[in-house]
């Protein structure tokens, strides 16, 4: 047997043992991983539900009385990006979120600095609740995330709000030359 053949055999044995070893480990670990994964998901989901309740209570307290309040005693938890998406999607189901609540939401989670998925949900909240103080965030999102922004153009136009429609047209005018042709065509049809 040549040295070359010995090396090839050793390599083959190592690869097969490693693969079989990994398969055996995976069989044992899979139930543990699934169990811990579902536990983590449940824990993370529960945390989001708790935060949603806090935000809804805060929003209700912000109702009506306009006298200056001291800083609310509510302490919000830090959330992962996927949790933020879930939080914002859940808050989108609320009929009304007050400007003070939206301001606090942005300051708490620094939403304009989050990933595109989180920013997109934030912009949906801005549009739905006509939160004009954050229209610049929508404009920036439409510029930075053109493909994801198509849906927002539709939302801006469907509300029949003149300010939001102007925002959509102004944003599109700034970036239409940078957009791919099919996307630009779809947006143009929505706007005009």
N, C-alpha and C. Protein backbone atom coordinates (compact mmCIF):
# COMPACT_ATOMS: atom_id res chain seq x y z
N UNK A 1 0.85 -1.16 0.00
CA UNK A 1 0.00 0.00 0.00
C UNK A 1 0.90 1.23 0.00
N UNK A 2 0.60 2.17 -0.86
CA UNK A 2 1.42 3.36 -0.95
C UNK A 2 0.99 4.37 0.11
N UNK A 3 1.87 5.30 0.34
CA UNK A 3 1.58 6.37 1.30
C UNK A 3 0.35 7.17 0.87
N UNK A 4 0.23 7.37 -0.44
CA UNK A 4 -0.91 8.12 -0.98
C UNK A 4 -2.22 7.40 -0.67
N UNK A 5 -2.26 6.09 -0.83
CA UNK A 5 -3.47 5.31 -0.56
C UNK A 5 -3.82 5.36 0.92
N UNK A 6 -2.80 5.28 1.79
CA UNK A 6 -3.04 5.34 3.24
C UNK A 6 -3.67 6.68 3.62
N UNK A 7 -3.15 7.73 3.06
CA UNK A 7 -3.68 9.07 3.34
C UNK A 7 -5.13 9.17 2.89
N UNK A 8 -5.43 8.65 1.70
CA UNK A 8 -6.80 8.69 1.19
C UNK A 8 -7.75 7.89 2.08
N UNK A 9 -7.31 6.73 2.54
CA UNK A 9 -8.14 5.89 3.41
C UNK A 9 -8.40 6.61 4.73
N UNK A 10 -7.35 7.19 5.32
CA UNK A 10 -7.51 7.91 6.58
C UNK A 10 -8.50 9.07 6.42
N UNK A 11 -8.35 9.79 5.33
CA UNK A 11 -9.25 10.92 5.08
C UNK A 11 -10.69 10.43 4.94
N UNK A 12 -10.88 9.35 4.18
CA UNK A 12 -12.22 8.79 3.99
C UNK A 12 -12.83 8.35 5.32
N UNK A 13 -12.05 7.67 6.15
CA UNK A 13 -12.54 7.21 7.45
C UNK A 13 -12.90 8.39 8.33
N UNK A 14 -12.02 9.40 8.37
CA UNK A 14 -12.29 10.59 9.19
C UNK A 14 -13.59 11.27 8.75
N UNK A 15 -13.76 11.42 7.43
CA UNK A 15 -14.97 12.07 6.93
C UNK A 15 -16.22 11.29 7.29
N UNK A 16 -16.17 9.98 7.12
CA UNK A 16 -17.34 9.15 7.43
C UNK A 16 -17.63 9.12 8.92
N UNK A 17 -16.60 9.02 9.73
CA UNK A 17 -16.81 9.01 11.17
C UNK A 17 -17.36 10.35 11.64
N UNK A 18 -16.80 11.40 11.09
CA UNK A 18 -17.26 12.73 11.47
C UNK A 18 -18.73 12.90 11.09
N UNK A 19 -19.10 12.50 9.87
CA UNK A 19 -20.48 12.63 9.43
C UNK A 19 -21.40 11.80 10.30
N UNK A 20 -21.01 10.53 10.54
CA UNK A 20 -21.85 9.65 11.37
C UNK A 20 -21.94 10.18 12.79
N UNK A 21 -20.83 10.68 13.28
CA UNK A 21 -20.83 11.25 14.63
C UNK A 21 -21.76 12.45 14.72
N UNK A 22 -21.71 13.29 13.70
CA UNK A 22 -22.59 14.46 13.68
C UNK A 22 -24.05 14.03 13.60
N UNK A 23 -24.31 13.00 12.79
CA UNK A 23 -25.69 12.52 12.65
C UNK A 23 -26.21 11.99 13.98
N UNK A 24 -25.37 11.22 14.69
CA UNK A 24 -25.79 10.68 15.97
C UNK A 24 -26.01 11.80 16.98
N UNK A 25 -25.11 12.76 17.00
CA UNK A 25 -25.25 13.89 17.92
C UNK A 25 -26.53 14.66 17.59
N UNK A 26 -26.77 14.87 16.30
CA UNK A 26 -27.97 15.61 15.89
C UNK A 26 -29.24 14.89 16.32
N UNK A 27 -29.25 13.54 16.21
CA UNK A 27 -30.43 12.78 16.63
C UNK A 27 -30.72 12.98 18.11
N UNK A 28 -29.67 13.00 18.92
CA UNK A 28 -29.83 13.17 20.36
C UNK A 28 -30.20 14.60 20.69
N UNK A 29 -29.54 15.55 20.02
CA UNK A 29 -29.74 16.95 20.37
C UNK A 29 -31.02 17.55 19.80
N UNK A 30 -31.55 16.98 18.72
CA UNK A 30 -32.72 17.57 18.07
C UNK A 30 -33.89 17.79 19.03
N UNK A 31 -34.31 16.76 19.80
CA UNK A 31 -35.42 17.02 20.74
C UNK A 31 -35.08 18.09 21.77
N UNK A 32 -33.83 18.09 22.22
CA UNK A 32 -33.43 19.11 23.19
C UNK A 32 -33.49 20.49 22.56
N UNK A 33 -33.01 20.59 21.32
CA UNK A 33 -33.01 21.87 20.64
C UNK A 33 -34.44 22.34 20.41
N UNK A 34 -35.30 21.42 19.93
CA UNK A 34 -36.69 21.80 19.68
C UNK A 34 -37.37 22.26 20.96
N UNK A 35 -37.11 21.54 22.05
CA UNK A 35 -37.71 21.91 23.33
C UNK A 35 -37.23 23.27 23.79
N UNK A 36 -35.93 23.51 23.70
CA UNK A 36 -35.40 24.80 24.14
C UNK A 36 -35.82 25.91 23.19
N UNK A 37 -35.92 25.59 21.90
CA UNK A 37 -36.33 26.59 20.92
C UNK A 37 -37.77 27.04 21.18
N UNK A 38 -38.67 26.08 21.40
CA UNK A 38 -40.06 26.47 21.65
C UNK A 38 -40.18 27.21 22.98
N UNK A 39 -39.39 26.80 23.97
CA UNK A 39 -39.40 27.51 25.25
C UNK A 39 -38.95 28.94 25.05
N UNK A 40 -37.87 29.13 24.28
CA UNK A 40 -37.35 30.48 24.03
C UNK A 40 -38.39 31.30 23.28
N UNK A 41 -39.00 30.71 22.24
CA UNK A 41 -40.02 31.43 21.48
C UNK A 41 -41.18 31.84 22.38
N UNK A 42 -41.62 30.93 23.21
CA UNK A 42 -42.72 31.25 24.11
C UNK A 42 -42.34 32.36 25.08
N UNK A 43 -41.13 32.26 25.61
CA UNK A 43 -40.66 33.27 26.56
C UNK A 43 -40.57 34.62 25.85
N UNK A 44 -40.01 34.63 24.65
CA UNK A 44 -39.85 35.88 23.90
C UNK A 44 -41.22 36.45 23.49
N UNK A 45 -42.13 35.58 23.10
CA UNK A 45 -43.48 36.02 22.73
C UNK A 45 -44.21 36.59 23.94
N UNK A 46 -44.07 35.91 25.06
CA UNK A 46 -44.72 36.42 26.29
C UNK A 46 -44.17 37.79 26.66
N UNK A 47 -42.87 37.96 26.50
CA UNK A 47 -42.25 39.24 26.81
C UNK A 47 -42.86 40.34 25.92
N UNK A 48 -43.05 40.04 24.64
CA UNK A 48 -43.65 41.02 23.73
C UNK A 48 -45.09 41.32 24.15
N UNK A 49 -45.86 40.29 24.48
CA UNK A 49 -47.24 40.51 24.92
C UNK A 49 -47.29 41.41 26.15
N UNK A 50 -46.37 41.18 27.07
CA UNK A 50 -46.31 42.03 28.27
C UNK A 50 -46.01 43.47 27.89
N UNK A 51 -45.09 43.65 26.96
CA UNK A 51 -44.74 45.01 26.52
C UNK A 51 -45.91 45.67 25.81
N UNK A 52 -46.63 44.92 24.99
CA UNK A 52 -47.79 45.47 24.29
C UNK A 52 -48.80 45.99 25.31
N UNK A 53 -49.05 45.21 26.34
CA UNK A 53 -49.99 45.65 27.39
C UNK A 53 -49.54 46.96 28.02
N UNK A 54 -48.25 47.07 28.29
CA UNK A 54 -47.72 48.31 28.88
C UNK A 54 -47.95 49.49 27.94
N UNK A 55 -47.70 49.29 26.64
CA UNK A 55 -47.87 50.38 25.68
C UNK A 55 -49.33 50.79 25.56
N UNK A 56 -50.22 49.82 25.57
CA UNK A 56 -51.65 50.14 25.48
C UNK A 56 -52.10 50.92 26.71
N UNK A 57 -51.64 50.49 27.88
CA UNK A 57 -51.99 51.23 29.11
C UNK A 57 -51.43 52.65 29.06
N UNK A 58 -50.19 52.79 28.62
CA UNK A 58 -49.59 54.12 28.51
C UNK A 58 -50.39 54.98 27.54
N UNK A 59 -50.78 54.41 26.42
CA UNK A 59 -51.56 55.14 25.43
C UNK A 59 -52.89 55.60 26.01
N UNK A 60 -53.52 54.77 26.81
CA UNK A 60 -54.79 55.15 27.44
C UNK A 60 -54.59 56.26 28.46
N UNK A 61 -53.47 56.22 29.16
CA UNK A 61 -53.19 57.28 30.14
C UNK A 61 -52.88 58.60 29.45
N UNK A 62 -52.36 58.52 28.24
CA UNK A 62 -52.04 59.74 27.49
C UNK A 62 -53.29 60.40 26.91
N UNK A 63 -54.42 59.77 27.08
CA UNK A 63 -55.68 60.27 26.53
C UNK A 63 -56.15 61.50 27.30
N UNK A 64 -56.65 62.46 26.57
CA UNK A 64 -57.34 63.57 27.20
C UNK A 64 -56.48 64.59 27.91
N UNK A 65 -56.18 64.37 29.15
CA UNK A 65 -55.53 65.35 30.01
C UNK A 65 -54.22 65.85 29.38
N UNK A 66 -54.16 67.14 29.12
CA UNK A 66 -53.00 67.69 28.43
C UNK A 66 -52.00 68.37 29.35
N UNK A 67 -52.27 68.37 30.64
CA UNK A 67 -51.31 69.02 31.53
C UNK A 67 -50.00 68.24 31.52
N UNK A 68 -48.94 68.95 31.77
CA UNK A 68 -47.62 68.34 31.71
C UNK A 68 -47.47 67.29 32.81
N UNK A 69 -46.98 66.13 32.39
CA UNK A 69 -46.79 65.03 33.34
C UNK A 69 -45.31 64.83 33.60
N UNK A 70 -45.04 64.28 34.75
CA UNK A 70 -43.66 63.86 35.00
C UNK A 70 -43.42 62.60 34.20
N UNK A 71 -42.17 62.22 34.05
CA UNK A 71 -41.82 61.03 33.28
C UNK A 71 -42.60 59.83 33.79
N UNK A 72 -43.22 59.11 32.86
CA UNK A 72 -44.00 57.93 33.24
C UNK A 72 -43.10 56.92 33.93
N UNK A 73 -43.68 56.27 34.92
CA UNK A 73 -42.92 55.30 35.70
C UNK A 73 -42.81 53.94 35.01
N UNK A 74 -43.44 53.77 33.87
CA UNK A 74 -43.42 52.49 33.16
C UNK A 74 -42.00 52.21 32.68
N UNK A 75 -41.54 51.00 32.98
CA UNK A 75 -40.22 50.57 32.52
C UNK A 75 -40.42 49.54 31.41
N UNK A 76 -39.88 49.84 30.25
CA UNK A 76 -40.01 48.94 29.11
C UNK A 76 -38.74 48.10 28.99
N UNK A 77 -38.93 46.86 28.55
CA UNK A 77 -37.82 45.92 28.39
C UNK A 77 -37.12 46.16 27.06
N UNK A 78 -35.84 45.80 27.02
CA UNK A 78 -35.13 45.79 25.74
C UNK A 78 -35.65 44.61 24.95
N UNK A 79 -35.85 44.81 23.65
CA UNK A 79 -36.39 43.76 22.80
C UNK A 79 -35.45 43.48 21.64
N UNK A 80 -35.45 42.25 21.18
CA UNK A 80 -34.70 41.85 19.99
C UNK A 80 -35.43 42.37 18.76
N UNK A 81 -34.74 42.48 17.61
CA UNK A 81 -35.40 42.98 16.40
C UNK A 81 -36.68 42.23 16.03
N UNK A 82 -36.66 40.90 16.11
CA UNK A 82 -37.88 40.14 15.79
C UNK A 82 -39.00 40.44 16.79
N UNK A 83 -38.63 40.67 18.02
CA UNK A 83 -39.63 41.03 19.02
C UNK A 83 -40.20 42.41 18.73
N UNK A 84 -39.34 43.32 18.28
CA UNK A 84 -39.82 44.67 17.93
C UNK A 84 -40.81 44.60 16.77
N UNK A 85 -40.51 43.76 15.78
CA UNK A 85 -41.44 43.60 14.65
C UNK A 85 -42.79 43.12 15.17
N UNK A 86 -42.78 42.13 16.04
CA UNK A 86 -44.02 41.60 16.60
C UNK A 86 -44.75 42.67 17.43
N UNK A 87 -44.01 43.41 18.22
CA UNK A 87 -44.59 44.49 19.02
C UNK A 87 -45.27 45.52 18.11
N UNK A 88 -44.55 45.98 17.10
CA UNK A 88 -45.09 47.01 16.22
C UNK A 88 -46.28 46.49 15.41
N UNK A 89 -46.21 45.23 14.95
CA UNK A 89 -47.34 44.66 14.22
C UNK A 89 -48.58 44.59 15.11
N UNK A 90 -48.37 44.24 16.36
CA UNK A 90 -49.50 44.17 17.29
C UNK A 90 -50.06 45.57 17.56
N UNK A 91 -49.18 46.54 17.73
CA UNK A 91 -49.64 47.91 17.95
C UNK A 91 -50.34 48.48 16.72
N UNK A 92 -50.00 47.98 15.53
CA UNK A 92 -50.69 48.41 14.32
C UNK A 92 -52.18 48.06 14.36
N UNK A 93 -52.54 47.07 15.14
CA UNK A 93 -53.94 46.67 15.25
C UNK A 93 -54.74 47.63 16.13
N UNK A 94 -54.05 48.47 16.90
CA UNK A 94 -54.74 49.44 17.76
C UNK A 94 -55.39 50.52 16.89
N UNK A 95 -56.60 50.90 17.25
CA UNK A 95 -57.31 51.91 16.48
C UNK A 95 -56.59 53.26 16.53
N UNK A 96 -56.15 53.65 17.71
CA UNK A 96 -55.50 54.95 17.88
C UNK A 96 -54.30 54.84 18.80
N UNK A 97 -53.20 55.38 18.34
CA UNK A 97 -52.03 55.59 19.21
C UNK A 97 -51.76 57.08 19.22
N UNK A 98 -51.67 57.65 20.37
CA UNK A 98 -51.49 59.09 20.53
C UNK A 98 -50.05 59.50 20.18
N UNK A 99 -49.89 60.74 19.73
CA UNK A 99 -48.54 61.22 19.38
C UNK A 99 -47.53 61.05 20.52
N UNK A 100 -47.96 61.30 21.73
CA UNK A 100 -47.06 61.16 22.88
C UNK A 100 -46.59 59.70 23.03
N UNK A 101 -47.49 58.77 22.76
CA UNK A 101 -47.15 57.34 22.83
C UNK A 101 -46.15 56.99 21.73
N UNK A 102 -46.41 57.47 20.52
CA UNK A 102 -45.52 57.19 19.40
C UNK A 102 -44.13 57.79 19.63
N UNK A 103 -44.09 58.99 20.18
CA UNK A 103 -42.81 59.61 20.51
C UNK A 103 -42.03 58.76 21.50
N UNK A 104 -42.71 58.32 22.53
CA UNK A 104 -42.06 57.49 23.56
C UNK A 104 -41.60 56.16 22.97
N UNK A 105 -42.40 55.60 22.09
CA UNK A 105 -42.07 54.33 21.43
C UNK A 105 -40.76 54.47 20.65
N UNK A 106 -40.65 55.55 19.88
CA UNK A 106 -39.43 55.77 19.10
C UNK A 106 -38.23 55.99 20.01
N UNK A 107 -38.40 56.78 21.04
CA UNK A 107 -37.28 57.07 21.95
C UNK A 107 -36.85 55.83 22.74
N UNK A 108 -37.80 55.00 23.09
CA UNK A 108 -37.49 53.80 23.88
C UNK A 108 -36.68 52.80 23.08
N UNK A 109 -37.06 52.58 21.83
CA UNK A 109 -36.43 51.52 21.03
C UNK A 109 -35.53 52.05 19.91
N UNK A 110 -35.39 53.37 19.79
CA UNK A 110 -34.56 53.96 18.74
C UNK A 110 -34.93 53.34 17.38
N UNK A 111 -36.19 53.43 17.03
CA UNK A 111 -36.73 52.71 15.89
C UNK A 111 -36.10 53.12 14.56
N UNK A 112 -35.73 54.36 14.41
CA UNK A 112 -35.14 54.78 13.13
C UNK A 112 -33.73 54.23 12.94
N UNK A 113 -33.16 53.66 14.00
CA UNK A 113 -31.81 53.07 13.91
C UNK A 113 -31.85 51.55 13.80
N UNK A 114 -33.03 50.97 13.79
CA UNK A 114 -33.18 49.51 13.74
C UNK A 114 -33.07 49.02 12.30
N UNK A 115 -33.19 47.70 12.12
CA UNK A 115 -33.11 47.12 10.77
C UNK A 115 -34.34 47.50 9.94
N UNK A 116 -34.29 47.17 8.66
CA UNK A 116 -35.34 47.59 7.72
C UNK A 116 -36.72 47.04 8.09
N UNK A 117 -36.78 45.81 8.60
CA UNK A 117 -38.08 45.23 8.98
C UNK A 117 -38.74 46.04 10.09
N UNK A 118 -37.95 46.42 11.08
CA UNK A 118 -38.47 47.21 12.20
C UNK A 118 -38.85 48.61 11.70
N UNK A 119 -37.97 49.23 10.93
CA UNK A 119 -38.26 50.56 10.40
C UNK A 119 -39.55 50.56 9.57
N UNK A 120 -39.75 49.50 8.80
CA UNK A 120 -40.95 49.41 7.97
C UNK A 120 -42.21 49.43 8.83
N UNK A 121 -42.21 48.65 9.90
CA UNK A 121 -43.38 48.63 10.80
C UNK A 121 -43.56 49.99 11.47
N UNK A 122 -42.45 50.61 11.84
CA UNK A 122 -42.50 51.94 12.45
C UNK A 122 -43.15 52.92 11.47
N UNK A 123 -42.73 52.87 10.21
CA UNK A 123 -43.31 53.77 9.21
C UNK A 123 -44.80 53.50 9.00
N UNK A 124 -45.19 52.24 9.07
CA UNK A 124 -46.62 51.93 8.96
C UNK A 124 -47.41 52.58 10.09
N UNK A 125 -46.86 52.54 11.30
CA UNK A 125 -47.51 53.20 12.44
C UNK A 125 -47.61 54.71 12.21
N UNK A 126 -46.54 55.29 11.71
CA UNK A 126 -46.51 56.74 11.44
C UNK A 126 -47.62 57.11 10.47
N UNK A 127 -47.71 56.34 9.38
CA UNK A 127 -48.71 56.63 8.35
C UNK A 127 -50.12 56.40 8.88
N UNK A 128 -50.34 55.27 9.53
CA UNK A 128 -51.68 54.95 10.03
C UNK A 128 -52.20 56.02 10.99
N UNK A 129 -51.34 56.48 11.88
CA UNK A 129 -51.78 57.42 12.92
C UNK A 129 -51.47 58.88 12.56
N UNK A 130 -51.04 59.09 11.31
CA UNK A 130 -50.77 60.44 10.81
C UNK A 130 -49.88 61.22 11.77
N UNK A 131 -48.82 60.55 12.17
CA UNK A 131 -47.87 61.13 13.13
C UNK A 131 -46.87 62.00 12.36
N UNK A 132 -47.27 63.22 12.08
CA UNK A 132 -46.50 64.11 11.20
C UNK A 132 -45.11 64.44 11.73
N UNK A 133 -44.91 64.37 13.03
CA UNK A 133 -43.59 64.66 13.60
C UNK A 133 -42.53 63.67 13.12
N UNK A 134 -42.96 62.51 12.60
CA UNK A 134 -42.00 61.50 12.16
C UNK A 134 -42.09 61.23 10.65
N UNK A 135 -42.72 62.13 9.90
CA UNK A 135 -42.82 61.92 8.46
C UNK A 135 -41.43 61.86 7.81
N UNK A 136 -40.47 62.51 8.41
CA UNK A 136 -39.10 62.45 7.88
C UNK A 136 -38.58 61.01 7.91
N UNK A 137 -38.98 60.23 8.91
CA UNK A 137 -38.58 58.82 8.98
C UNK A 137 -39.14 58.03 7.79
N UNK A 138 -40.37 58.34 7.42
CA UNK A 138 -41.00 57.67 6.28
C UNK A 138 -40.25 58.03 5.00
N UNK A 139 -39.97 59.31 4.84
CA UNK A 139 -39.25 59.78 3.66
C UNK A 139 -37.88 59.10 3.55
N UNK A 140 -37.18 59.01 4.66
CA UNK A 140 -35.86 58.37 4.69
C UNK A 140 -35.98 56.88 4.37
N UNK A 141 -36.99 56.22 4.90
CA UNK A 141 -37.19 54.80 4.63
C UNK A 141 -37.46 54.57 3.14
N UNK A 142 -38.31 55.40 2.55
CA UNK A 142 -38.62 55.25 1.13
C UNK A 142 -37.36 55.43 0.28
N UNK A 143 -36.48 56.27 0.71
CA UNK A 143 -35.23 56.49 -0.01
C UNK A 143 -34.26 55.33 0.18
N UNK A 144 -34.12 54.85 1.40
CA UNK A 144 -33.12 53.82 1.72
C UNK A 144 -33.55 52.40 1.38
N UNK A 145 -34.84 52.14 1.38
CA UNK A 145 -35.34 50.77 1.19
C UNK A 145 -36.44 50.79 0.13
N UNK A 146 -36.02 51.05 -1.10
CA UNK A 146 -36.98 51.30 -2.18
C UNK A 146 -37.92 50.13 -2.44
N UNK A 147 -37.42 48.91 -2.44
CA UNK A 147 -38.28 47.76 -2.72
C UNK A 147 -39.32 47.57 -1.61
N UNK A 148 -38.90 47.70 -0.37
CA UNK A 148 -39.84 47.54 0.75
C UNK A 148 -40.80 48.72 0.84
N UNK A 149 -40.42 49.84 0.28
CA UNK A 149 -41.22 51.05 0.38
C UNK A 149 -42.45 51.08 -0.51
N UNK A 150 -42.53 50.16 -1.47
CA UNK A 150 -43.66 50.16 -2.40
C UNK A 150 -44.99 50.10 -1.64
N UNK A 151 -45.07 49.24 -0.66
CA UNK A 151 -46.30 49.11 0.13
C UNK A 151 -46.62 50.43 0.83
N UNK A 152 -45.61 51.11 1.34
CA UNK A 152 -45.84 52.38 2.04
C UNK A 152 -46.39 53.46 1.11
N UNK A 153 -45.94 53.46 -0.15
CA UNK A 153 -46.51 54.42 -1.10
C UNK A 153 -48.02 54.21 -1.19
N UNK A 154 -48.43 52.96 -1.27
CA UNK A 154 -49.86 52.65 -1.33
C UNK A 154 -50.59 53.14 -0.10
N UNK A 155 -50.00 52.92 1.07
CA UNK A 155 -50.62 53.36 2.33
C UNK A 155 -50.72 54.89 2.38
N UNK A 156 -49.69 55.56 1.92
CA UNK A 156 -49.70 57.03 1.92
C UNK A 156 -50.82 57.57 1.02
N UNK A 157 -51.07 56.89 -0.08
CA UNK A 157 -52.08 57.37 -1.02
C UNK A 157 -53.50 56.98 -0.62
N UNK A 158 -53.67 55.82 -0.03
CA UNK A 158 -55.01 55.31 0.27
C UNK A 158 -55.68 56.08 1.41
N UNK A 159 -54.91 56.71 2.26
CA UNK A 159 -55.47 57.46 3.39
C UNK A 159 -56.18 58.74 2.97
N UNK A 160 -56.00 59.15 1.74
CA UNK A 160 -56.64 60.37 1.23
C UNK A 160 -56.26 61.61 2.04
N UNK A 161 -55.08 61.57 2.63
CA UNK A 161 -54.58 62.70 3.41
C UNK A 161 -53.64 63.49 2.50
N UNK A 162 -53.95 64.76 2.26
CA UNK A 162 -53.17 65.57 1.32
C UNK A 162 -51.69 65.64 1.70
N UNK A 163 -51.40 65.78 2.97
CA UNK A 163 -50.01 65.87 3.42
C UNK A 163 -49.26 64.57 3.13
N UNK A 164 -49.91 63.45 3.40
CA UNK A 164 -49.26 62.16 3.14
C UNK A 164 -49.09 61.92 1.64
N UNK A 165 -50.06 62.33 0.85
CA UNK A 165 -49.94 62.17 -0.60
C UNK A 165 -48.81 63.03 -1.15
N UNK A 166 -48.67 64.24 -0.62
CA UNK A 166 -47.54 65.09 -1.03
C UNK A 166 -46.21 64.46 -0.64
N UNK A 167 -46.16 63.88 0.54
CA UNK A 167 -44.96 63.19 1.00
C UNK A 167 -44.59 62.06 0.04
N UNK A 168 -45.57 61.28 -0.37
CA UNK A 168 -45.33 60.17 -1.30
C UNK A 168 -44.81 60.69 -2.64
N UNK A 169 -45.46 61.69 -3.18
CA UNK A 169 -45.04 62.23 -4.48
C UNK A 169 -43.66 62.88 -4.41
N UNK A 170 -43.40 63.62 -3.34
CA UNK A 170 -42.10 64.27 -3.17
C UNK A 170 -40.99 63.22 -3.04
N UNK A 171 -41.24 62.18 -2.27
CA UNK A 171 -40.24 61.13 -2.08
C UNK A 171 -39.96 60.41 -3.39
N UNK A 172 -41.02 60.09 -4.12
CA UNK A 172 -40.86 59.41 -5.40
C UNK A 172 -40.09 60.27 -6.39
N UNK A 173 -40.40 61.57 -6.44
CA UNK A 173 -39.70 62.47 -7.36
C UNK A 173 -38.20 62.48 -7.10
N UNK A 174 -37.81 62.37 -5.84
CA UNK A 174 -36.39 62.39 -5.48
C UNK A 174 -35.65 61.13 -5.91
N UNK A 175 -36.33 59.99 -5.91
CA UNK A 175 -35.61 58.73 -6.11
C UNK A 175 -36.03 57.92 -7.33
N UNK A 176 -36.99 58.38 -8.10
CA UNK A 176 -37.51 57.56 -9.19
C UNK A 176 -36.43 57.16 -10.20
N UNK A 177 -35.45 58.00 -10.42
CA UNK A 177 -34.37 57.68 -11.37
C UNK A 177 -33.47 56.56 -10.86
N UNK A 178 -33.42 56.38 -9.54
CA UNK A 178 -32.58 55.33 -8.95
C UNK A 178 -33.31 53.99 -8.85
N UNK A 179 -34.62 54.00 -8.99
CA UNK A 179 -35.42 52.79 -8.83
C UNK A 179 -35.33 51.92 -10.08
N UNK A 180 -35.50 50.59 -9.87
CA UNK A 180 -35.56 49.73 -11.04
C UNK A 180 -36.88 50.02 -11.76
N UNK A 181 -36.90 49.79 -13.06
CA UNK A 181 -38.01 50.21 -13.91
C UNK A 181 -39.36 49.62 -13.48
N UNK A 182 -39.46 48.31 -13.22
CA UNK A 182 -40.78 47.77 -12.82
C UNK A 182 -41.31 48.37 -11.51
N UNK A 183 -40.42 48.57 -10.54
CA UNK A 183 -40.85 49.15 -9.26
C UNK A 183 -41.31 50.58 -9.46
N UNK A 184 -40.54 51.35 -10.22
CA UNK A 184 -40.91 52.74 -10.48
C UNK A 184 -42.27 52.82 -11.19
N UNK A 185 -42.51 51.89 -12.10
CA UNK A 185 -43.78 51.88 -12.83
C UNK A 185 -44.95 51.62 -11.87
N UNK A 186 -44.79 50.65 -10.98
CA UNK A 186 -45.85 50.33 -10.01
C UNK A 186 -46.14 51.54 -9.12
N UNK A 187 -45.08 52.17 -8.62
CA UNK A 187 -45.26 53.33 -7.73
C UNK A 187 -45.91 54.48 -8.49
N UNK A 188 -45.46 54.73 -9.71
CA UNK A 188 -46.01 55.82 -10.52
C UNK A 188 -47.52 55.62 -10.71
N UNK A 189 -47.93 54.38 -10.96
CA UNK A 189 -49.36 54.09 -11.15
C UNK A 189 -50.16 54.36 -9.87
N UNK A 190 -49.54 54.11 -8.71
CA UNK A 190 -50.23 54.38 -7.45
C UNK A 190 -50.39 55.88 -7.21
N UNK A 191 -49.36 56.63 -7.60
CA UNK A 191 -49.31 58.06 -7.25
C UNK A 191 -50.08 58.95 -8.21
N UNK A 192 -50.19 58.54 -9.47
CA UNK A 192 -50.77 59.46 -10.46
C UNK A 192 -51.94 58.85 -11.20
